[in-house]
Amino acid sequence: MPEVKDSDRALVHITYDGSVHKTFRGSMASERFATEVRVLRHLESKGCNFVPRIIEADPDTLTLVTTSCGSRVERISPDRLIKLFAQLEIYGVRHDDPFTRNVTYRISDGRFCLIDFELATLIDEKPENSSENNDEL
């Protein structure tokens, strides 16, 4: 399996069948794994077609296997980058790491895609410890 990324936060390999294997590690690995799984499942349920699909998620080993969304992008215009990440908000997701390193290009349909959702948030999700209403103020 060719290694794509080896950092303190994750080890990523792409298999010969094209699936992406990401093992989370380091600070808050369990939380980042859970966030990425939750967000990708949400995006799939909403029909978002420019993100990876989960093939397998193993919380015991913190390993996530997804489909590939093409090859990494080296350069993209700042305007195009902003528009691409803004498209996620239609699906109720804010990426929270909107950089070129999280953009791929899928040659099969000429589509820019987004990856790496471990820091993303669901826009409509209420933070823990929030009150349904603020009558207590």
N, C-alpha and C. Protein backbone atom coordinates (compact mmCIF):
# COMPACT_ATOMS: atom_id res chain seq x y z
N MET A 1 0.84 -1.18 0.00
CA MET A 1 0.00 0.00 0.00
C MET A 1 0.88 1.24 0.00
N PRO A 2 0.74 2.09 -0.98
CA PRO A 2 1.51 3.34 -0.98
C PRO A 2 1.09 4.25 0.18
N GLU A 3 2.09 4.79 0.85
CA GLU A 3 1.84 5.70 1.96
C GLU A 3 1.59 7.10 1.39
N VAL A 4 0.54 7.75 1.86
CA VAL A 4 0.21 9.09 1.40
C VAL A 4 0.58 10.13 2.45
N LYS A 5 0.37 9.76 3.71
CA LYS A 5 0.62 10.71 4.79
C LYS A 5 1.06 9.95 6.03
N ASP A 6 2.07 10.46 6.70
CA ASP A 6 2.52 9.90 7.96
C ASP A 6 2.87 11.07 8.86
N SER A 7 1.93 11.41 9.74
CA SER A 7 2.13 12.55 10.64
C SER A 7 1.80 12.13 12.07
N ASP A 8 1.95 13.05 13.00
CA ASP A 8 1.60 12.78 14.39
C ASP A 8 0.11 12.53 14.55
N ARG A 9 -0.70 13.04 13.61
CA ARG A 9 -2.16 12.95 13.72
C ARG A 9 -2.77 11.78 12.98
N ALA A 10 -2.10 11.30 11.93
CA ALA A 10 -2.70 10.21 11.14
C ALA A 10 -1.67 9.54 10.24
N LEU A 11 -1.96 8.26 9.95
CA LEU A 11 -1.21 7.50 8.96
C LEU A 11 -2.22 7.15 7.87
N VAL A 12 -1.93 7.52 6.63
CA VAL A 12 -2.86 7.30 5.53
C VAL A 12 -2.17 6.50 4.43
N HIS A 13 -2.87 5.44 3.98
CA HIS A 13 -2.40 4.62 2.86
C HIS A 13 -3.53 4.52 1.83
N ILE A 14 -3.16 4.36 0.58
CA ILE A 14 -4.14 4.06 -0.47
C ILE A 14 -3.82 2.67 -0.98
N THR A 15 -4.85 1.80 -0.98
CA THR A 15 -4.64 0.43 -1.44
C THR A 15 -4.67 0.40 -2.97
N TYR A 16 -4.28 -0.74 -3.50
CA TYR A 16 -4.25 -0.89 -4.95
C TYR A 16 -5.64 -0.88 -5.57
N ASP A 17 -6.67 -1.14 -4.76
CA ASP A 17 -8.04 -1.05 -5.28
C ASP A 17 -8.59 0.37 -5.18
N GLY A 18 -7.78 1.28 -4.64
CA GLY A 18 -8.16 2.69 -4.58
C GLY A 18 -8.78 3.14 -3.27
N SER A 19 -9.00 2.24 -2.32
CA SER A 19 -9.58 2.67 -1.04
C SER A 19 -8.51 3.36 -0.19
N VAL A 20 -8.97 4.27 0.64
CA VAL A 20 -8.08 5.06 1.49
C VAL A 20 -8.21 4.56 2.92
N HIS A 21 -7.08 4.21 3.54
CA HIS A 21 -7.05 3.70 4.92
C HIS A 21 -6.37 4.76 5.79
N LYS A 22 -7.13 5.29 6.73
CA LYS A 22 -6.63 6.35 7.60
C LYS A 22 -6.70 5.86 9.05
N THR A 23 -5.54 5.83 9.71
CA THR A 23 -5.48 5.46 11.12
C THR A 23 -5.18 6.73 11.91
N PHE A 24 -6.10 7.07 12.80
CA PHE A 24 -5.97 8.27 13.61
C PHE A 24 -5.04 7.99 14.79
N ARG A 25 -4.23 8.97 15.14
CA ARG A 25 -3.33 8.83 16.28
C ARG A 25 -3.04 10.21 16.85
N GLY A 26 -2.38 10.22 17.99
CA GLY A 26 -2.02 11.50 18.60
C GLY A 26 -3.14 12.09 19.44
N SER A 27 -3.03 13.37 19.66
CA SER A 27 -3.94 14.11 20.53
C SER A 27 -5.39 14.00 20.06
N MET A 28 -6.25 13.57 20.97
CA MET A 28 -7.69 13.48 20.73
C MET A 28 -8.05 12.61 19.52
N ALA A 29 -7.28 11.56 19.30
CA ALA A 29 -7.50 10.68 18.13
C ALA A 29 -8.91 10.10 18.11
N SER A 30 -9.40 9.65 19.25
CA SER A 30 -10.76 9.05 19.31
C SER A 30 -11.82 10.07 18.92
N GLU A 31 -11.69 11.28 19.42
CA GLU A 31 -12.66 12.32 19.12
C GLU A 31 -12.61 12.71 17.65
N ARG A 32 -11.41 12.85 17.10
CA ARG A 32 -11.27 13.21 15.68
C ARG A 32 -11.82 12.11 14.78
N PHE A 33 -11.58 10.85 15.15
CA PHE A 33 -12.13 9.71 14.41
C PHE A 33 -13.66 9.78 14.42
N ALA A 34 -14.23 9.94 15.61
CA ALA A 34 -15.70 9.98 15.75
C ALA A 34 -16.30 11.14 14.95
N THR A 35 -15.64 12.28 14.98
CA THR A 35 -16.13 13.43 14.23
C THR A 35 -16.13 13.15 12.73
N GLU A 36 -15.03 12.62 12.22
CA GLU A 36 -14.96 12.36 10.79
C GLU A 36 -16.02 11.35 10.36
N VAL A 37 -16.20 10.30 11.14
CA VAL A 37 -17.22 9.29 10.82
C VAL A 37 -18.61 9.92 10.84
N ARG A 38 -18.92 10.67 11.89
CA ARG A 38 -20.24 11.31 12.01
C ARG A 38 -20.51 12.25 10.84
N VAL A 39 -19.53 13.08 10.49
CA VAL A 39 -19.72 14.06 9.42
C VAL A 39 -19.85 13.37 8.06
N LEU A 40 -19.00 12.38 7.78
CA LEU A 40 -19.11 11.69 6.50
C LEU A 40 -20.44 10.94 6.36
N ARG A 41 -20.92 10.36 7.44
CA ARG A 41 -22.23 9.69 7.39
C ARG A 41 -23.34 10.70 7.15
N HIS A 42 -23.24 11.85 7.78
CA HIS A 42 -24.22 12.91 7.58
C HIS A 42 -24.22 13.36 6.11
N LEU A 43 -23.04 13.61 5.57
CA LEU A 43 -22.94 14.07 4.18
C LEU A 43 -23.48 13.03 3.20
N GLU A 44 -23.21 11.76 3.48
CA GLU A 44 -23.75 10.71 2.61
C GLU A 44 -25.27 10.70 2.68
N SER A 45 -25.83 10.86 3.88
CA SER A 45 -27.29 10.84 4.03
C SER A 45 -27.94 12.01 3.31
N LYS A 46 -27.19 13.10 3.14
CA LYS A 46 -27.70 14.29 2.45
C LYS A 46 -27.44 14.25 0.94
N GLY A 47 -26.74 13.21 0.48
CA GLY A 47 -26.48 13.07 -0.95
C GLY A 47 -25.33 13.89 -1.49
N CYS A 48 -24.42 14.31 -0.62
CA CYS A 48 -23.25 15.07 -1.06
C CYS A 48 -22.34 14.14 -1.85
N ASN A 49 -22.05 14.51 -3.10
CA ASN A 49 -21.30 13.62 -3.98
C ASN A 49 -19.84 14.04 -4.21
N PHE A 50 -19.33 14.95 -3.41
CA PHE A 50 -17.94 15.36 -3.60
C PHE A 50 -17.09 15.18 -2.34
N VAL A 51 -17.42 14.10 -1.61
CA VAL A 51 -16.66 13.70 -0.42
C VAL A 51 -16.51 12.18 -0.45
N PRO A 52 -15.56 11.63 0.31
CA PRO A 52 -15.42 10.17 0.35
C PRO A 52 -16.63 9.49 0.98
N ARG A 53 -16.82 8.23 0.64
CA ARG A 53 -17.85 7.39 1.26
C ARG A 53 -17.16 6.41 2.20
N ILE A 54 -17.77 6.17 3.34
CA ILE A 54 -17.20 5.23 4.31
C ILE A 54 -17.43 3.81 3.82
N ILE A 55 -16.35 3.04 3.83
CA ILE A 55 -16.42 1.61 3.53
C ILE A 55 -16.43 0.83 4.84
N GLU A 56 -15.60 1.29 5.77
CA GLU A 56 -15.46 0.62 7.07
C GLU A 56 -14.94 1.62 8.09
N ALA A 57 -15.45 1.52 9.31
CA ALA A 57 -14.97 2.37 10.40
C ALA A 57 -14.80 1.50 11.64
N ASP A 58 -13.59 1.42 12.17
CA ASP A 58 -13.30 0.58 13.32
C ASP A 58 -12.85 1.45 14.50
N PRO A 59 -13.76 1.70 15.46
CA PRO A 59 -13.41 2.56 16.59
C PRO A 59 -12.36 1.94 17.52
N ASP A 60 -12.20 0.61 17.49
CA ASP A 60 -11.19 -0.03 18.34
C ASP A 60 -9.78 0.27 17.87
N THR A 61 -9.57 0.32 16.56
CA THR A 61 -8.24 0.59 16.01
C THR A 61 -8.12 2.02 15.48
N LEU A 62 -9.23 2.78 15.57
CA LEU A 62 -9.30 4.15 15.05
C LEU A 62 -8.90 4.20 13.57
N THR A 63 -9.38 3.20 12.83
CA THR A 63 -9.09 3.11 11.40
C THR A 63 -10.37 3.35 10.60
N LEU A 64 -10.25 4.23 9.63
CA LEU A 64 -11.35 4.58 8.75
C LEU A 64 -10.95 4.22 7.32
N VAL A 65 -11.80 3.46 6.63
CA VAL A 65 -11.55 3.11 5.23
C VAL A 65 -12.63 3.79 4.41
N THR A 66 -12.20 4.56 3.40
CA THR A 66 -13.14 5.30 2.56
C THR A 66 -12.81 5.09 1.09
N THR A 67 -13.74 5.53 0.26
CA THR A 67 -13.47 5.57 -1.17
C THR A 67 -12.47 6.71 -1.42
N SER A 68 -11.82 6.65 -2.55
CA SER A 68 -10.90 7.71 -2.94
C SER A 68 -11.66 8.78 -3.71
N CYS A 69 -11.26 10.01 -3.52
CA CYS A 69 -11.87 11.13 -4.24
C CYS A 69 -10.88 11.74 -5.23
N GLY A 70 -9.97 10.94 -5.73
CA GLY A 70 -9.03 11.46 -6.73
C GLY A 70 -7.68 11.80 -6.13
N SER A 71 -6.95 12.58 -6.89
CA SER A 71 -5.59 12.92 -6.48
C SER A 71 -5.53 14.30 -5.85
N ARG A 72 -4.54 14.49 -5.01
CA ARG A 72 -4.38 15.77 -4.31
C ARG A 72 -4.16 16.90 -5.30
N VAL A 73 -4.65 18.05 -4.91
CA VAL A 73 -4.52 19.27 -5.71
C VAL A 73 -3.33 20.05 -5.17
N GLU A 74 -2.47 20.49 -6.05
CA GLU A 74 -1.31 21.29 -5.63
C GLU A 74 -1.66 22.77 -5.52
N ARG A 75 -2.49 23.25 -6.47
CA ARG A 75 -2.86 24.67 -6.48
C ARG A 75 -4.33 24.81 -6.86
N ILE A 76 -4.96 25.79 -6.26
CA ILE A 76 -6.34 26.15 -6.59
C ILE A 76 -6.48 27.63 -6.25
N SER A 77 -7.24 28.36 -7.04
CA SER A 77 -7.37 29.79 -6.79
C SER A 77 -8.07 30.02 -5.45
N PRO A 78 -7.71 31.08 -4.77
CA PRO A 78 -8.35 31.38 -3.48
C PRO A 78 -9.87 31.50 -3.60
N ASP A 79 -10.35 32.11 -4.68
CA ASP A 79 -11.78 32.26 -4.88
C ASP A 79 -12.46 30.90 -5.05
N ARG A 80 -11.86 30.03 -5.84
CA ARG A 80 -12.41 28.69 -6.06
C ARG A 80 -12.40 27.88 -4.76
N LEU A 81 -11.35 28.04 -3.97
CA LEU A 81 -11.24 27.34 -2.69
C LEU A 81 -12.37 27.75 -1.75
N ILE A 82 -12.63 29.04 -1.66
CA ILE A 82 -13.70 29.56 -0.80
C ILE A 82 -15.05 29.01 -1.26
N LYS A 83 -15.31 29.03 -2.56
CA LYS A 83 -16.59 28.54 -3.09
C LYS A 83 -16.75 27.04 -2.85
N LEU A 84 -15.68 26.29 -3.00
CA LEU A 84 -15.74 24.85 -2.81
C LEU A 84 -16.11 24.49 -1.37
N PHE A 85 -15.44 25.09 -0.41
CA PHE A 85 -15.75 24.81 0.99
C PHE A 85 -17.13 25.35 1.37
N ALA A 86 -17.56 26.45 0.76
CA ALA A 86 -18.89 27.00 1.03
C ALA A 86 -19.98 26.05 0.55
N GLN A 87 -19.73 25.26 -0.47
CA GLN A 87 -20.72 24.30 -0.96
C GLN A 87 -21.11 23.29 0.11
N LEU A 88 -20.22 23.00 1.03
CA LEU A 88 -20.52 22.06 2.12
C LEU A 88 -21.65 22.57 3.01
N GLU A 89 -21.75 23.88 3.15
CA GLU A 89 -22.76 24.44 4.05
C GLU A 89 -24.17 24.15 3.57
N ILE A 90 -24.35 23.93 2.27
CA ILE A 90 -25.65 23.53 1.73
C ILE A 90 -26.07 22.20 2.37
N TYR A 91 -25.08 21.37 2.71
CA TYR A 91 -25.33 20.06 3.30
C TYR A 91 -25.25 20.09 4.83
N GLY A 92 -25.11 21.29 5.41
CA GLY A 92 -25.12 21.41 6.86
C GLY A 92 -23.79 21.14 7.54
N VAL A 93 -22.68 21.34 6.81
CA VAL A 93 -21.35 21.05 7.36
C VAL A 93 -20.41 22.23 7.15
N ARG A 94 -19.66 22.54 8.19
CA ARG A 94 -18.57 23.51 8.08
C ARG A 94 -17.27 22.72 8.25
N HIS A 95 -16.38 22.80 7.28
CA HIS A 95 -15.18 21.96 7.27
C HIS A 95 -14.22 22.31 8.40
N ASP A 96 -14.00 23.56 8.67
CA ASP A 96 -13.13 24.06 9.73
C ASP A 96 -11.63 23.79 9.52
N ASP A 97 -11.26 23.37 8.32
CA ASP A 97 -9.84 23.22 7.94
C ASP A 97 -9.75 23.46 6.43
N PRO A 98 -10.19 24.66 5.98
CA PRO A 98 -10.38 24.92 4.55
C PRO A 98 -9.10 25.29 3.80
N PHE A 99 -8.24 24.31 3.63
CA PHE A 99 -6.98 24.55 2.95
C PHE A 99 -6.82 23.62 1.76
N THR A 100 -5.94 23.99 0.86
CA THR A 100 -5.70 23.22 -0.36
C THR A 100 -5.34 21.77 -0.06
N ARG A 101 -4.68 21.51 1.05
CA ARG A 101 -4.29 20.14 1.39
C ARG A 101 -5.49 19.21 1.55
N ASN A 102 -6.68 19.77 1.69
CA ASN A 102 -7.90 18.98 1.86
C ASN A 102 -8.78 18.97 0.61
N VAL A 103 -8.17 19.27 -0.52
CA VAL A 103 -8.88 19.26 -1.80
C VAL A 103 -8.24 18.21 -2.70
N THR A 104 -9.09 17.44 -3.37
CA THR A 104 -8.62 16.48 -4.37
C THR A 104 -9.35 16.76 -5.68
N TYR A 105 -8.87 16.13 -6.74
CA TYR A 105 -9.51 16.28 -8.05
C TYR A 105 -9.84 14.90 -8.59
N ARG A 106 -11.11 14.70 -8.89
CA ARG A 106 -11.59 13.43 -9.43
C ARG A 106 -11.68 13.56 -10.94
N ILE A 107 -10.74 12.94 -11.61
CA ILE A 107 -10.64 13.08 -13.06
C ILE A 107 -11.84 12.47 -13.80
N SER A 108 -12.47 11.45 -13.23
CA SER A 108 -13.58 10.77 -13.91
C SER A 108 -14.73 11.70 -14.27
N ASP A 109 -14.96 12.72 -13.44
CA ASP A 109 -16.03 13.68 -13.76
C ASP A 109 -15.57 15.14 -13.67
N GLY A 110 -14.25 15.34 -13.52
CA GLY A 110 -13.72 16.70 -13.49
C GLY A 110 -14.19 17.50 -12.28
N ARG A 111 -14.31 16.85 -11.14
CA ARG A 111 -14.87 17.48 -9.95
C ARG A 111 -13.83 17.63 -8.86
N PHE A 112 -13.75 18.84 -8.29
CA PHE A 112 -12.96 19.03 -7.09
C PHE A 112 -13.75 18.40 -5.94
N CYS A 113 -13.05 17.71 -5.04
CA CYS A 113 -13.67 17.04 -3.90
C CYS A 113 -12.97 17.48 -2.62
N LEU A 114 -13.61 17.21 -1.49
CA LEU A 114 -13.05 17.58 -0.19
C LEU A 114 -12.83 16.34 0.65
N ILE A 115 -11.75 16.36 1.41
CA ILE A 115 -11.38 15.25 2.29
C ILE A 115 -11.04 15.78 3.67
N ASP A 116 -10.82 14.87 4.61
CA ASP A 116 -10.29 15.18 5.94
C ASP A 116 -11.27 15.99 6.78
N PHE A 117 -12.26 15.31 7.34
CA PHE A 117 -13.33 15.97 8.07
C PHE A 117 -13.21 15.83 9.58
N GLU A 118 -12.02 15.54 10.08
CA GLU A 118 -11.86 15.31 11.52
C GLU A 118 -12.05 16.55 12.37
N LEU A 119 -11.99 17.74 11.78
CA LEU A 119 -12.21 18.98 12.53
C LEU A 119 -13.53 19.64 12.18
N ALA A 120 -14.31 19.02 11.29
CA ALA A 120 -15.55 19.61 10.80
C ALA A 120 -16.64 19.65 11.87
N THR A 121 -17.62 20.49 11.64
CA THR A 121 -18.78 20.57 12.53
C THR A 121 -20.06 20.51 11.70
N LEU A 122 -21.08 19.91 12.32
CA LEU A 122 -22.42 19.95 11.73
C LEU A 122 -23.03 21.27 12.16
N ILE A 123 -23.45 22.06 11.21
CA ILE A 123 -23.90 23.43 11.49
C ILE A 123 -25.11 23.45 12.41
N ASP A 124 -26.06 22.55 12.22
CA ASP A 124 -27.28 22.56 13.02
C ASP A 124 -27.14 21.81 14.34
N GLU A 125 -25.99 21.21 14.58
CA GLU A 125 -25.78 20.44 15.80
C GLU A 125 -25.57 21.39 16.97
N LYS A 126 -26.33 21.18 18.02
CA LYS A 126 -26.18 22.02 19.21
C LYS A 126 -24.98 21.54 20.02
N PRO A 127 -24.16 22.46 20.51
CA PRO A 127 -23.04 22.05 21.35
C PRO A 127 -23.54 21.36 22.61
N GLU A 128 -22.72 20.43 23.13
CA GLU A 128 -23.08 19.77 24.39
C GLU A 128 -23.17 20.83 25.48
N ASN A 129 -24.01 20.55 26.47
CA ASN A 129 -24.24 21.45 27.61
C ASN A 129 -25.00 22.70 27.23
N SER A 130 -25.59 22.75 26.02
CA SER A 130 -26.38 23.90 25.67
C SER A 130 -27.82 23.67 26.08
N SER A 131 -28.51 24.69 26.39
CA SER A 131 -29.90 24.58 26.79
C SER A 131 -30.78 24.72 25.56
N GLU A 132 -31.94 24.04 25.56
CA GLU A 132 -32.87 24.14 24.43
C GLU A 132 -33.37 25.58 24.30
N ASN A 133 -33.55 26.23 25.41
CA ASN A 133 -33.92 27.65 25.37
C ASN A 133 -33.13 28.36 26.46
N ASN A 134 -33.14 29.64 26.40
CA ASN A 134 -32.33 30.42 27.34
C ASN A 134 -33.20 31.10 28.39
N ASP A 135 -34.28 30.42 28.84
CA ASP A 135 -35.18 31.01 29.84
C ASP A 135 -34.48 31.21 31.18
N GLU A 136 -33.43 30.49 31.40
CA GLU A 136 -32.77 30.58 32.71
C GLU A 136 -31.92 31.82 32.85
N LEU A 137 -31.77 32.60 31.81
CA LEU A 137 -30.94 33.81 31.90
C LEU A 137 -31.60 34.93 32.62
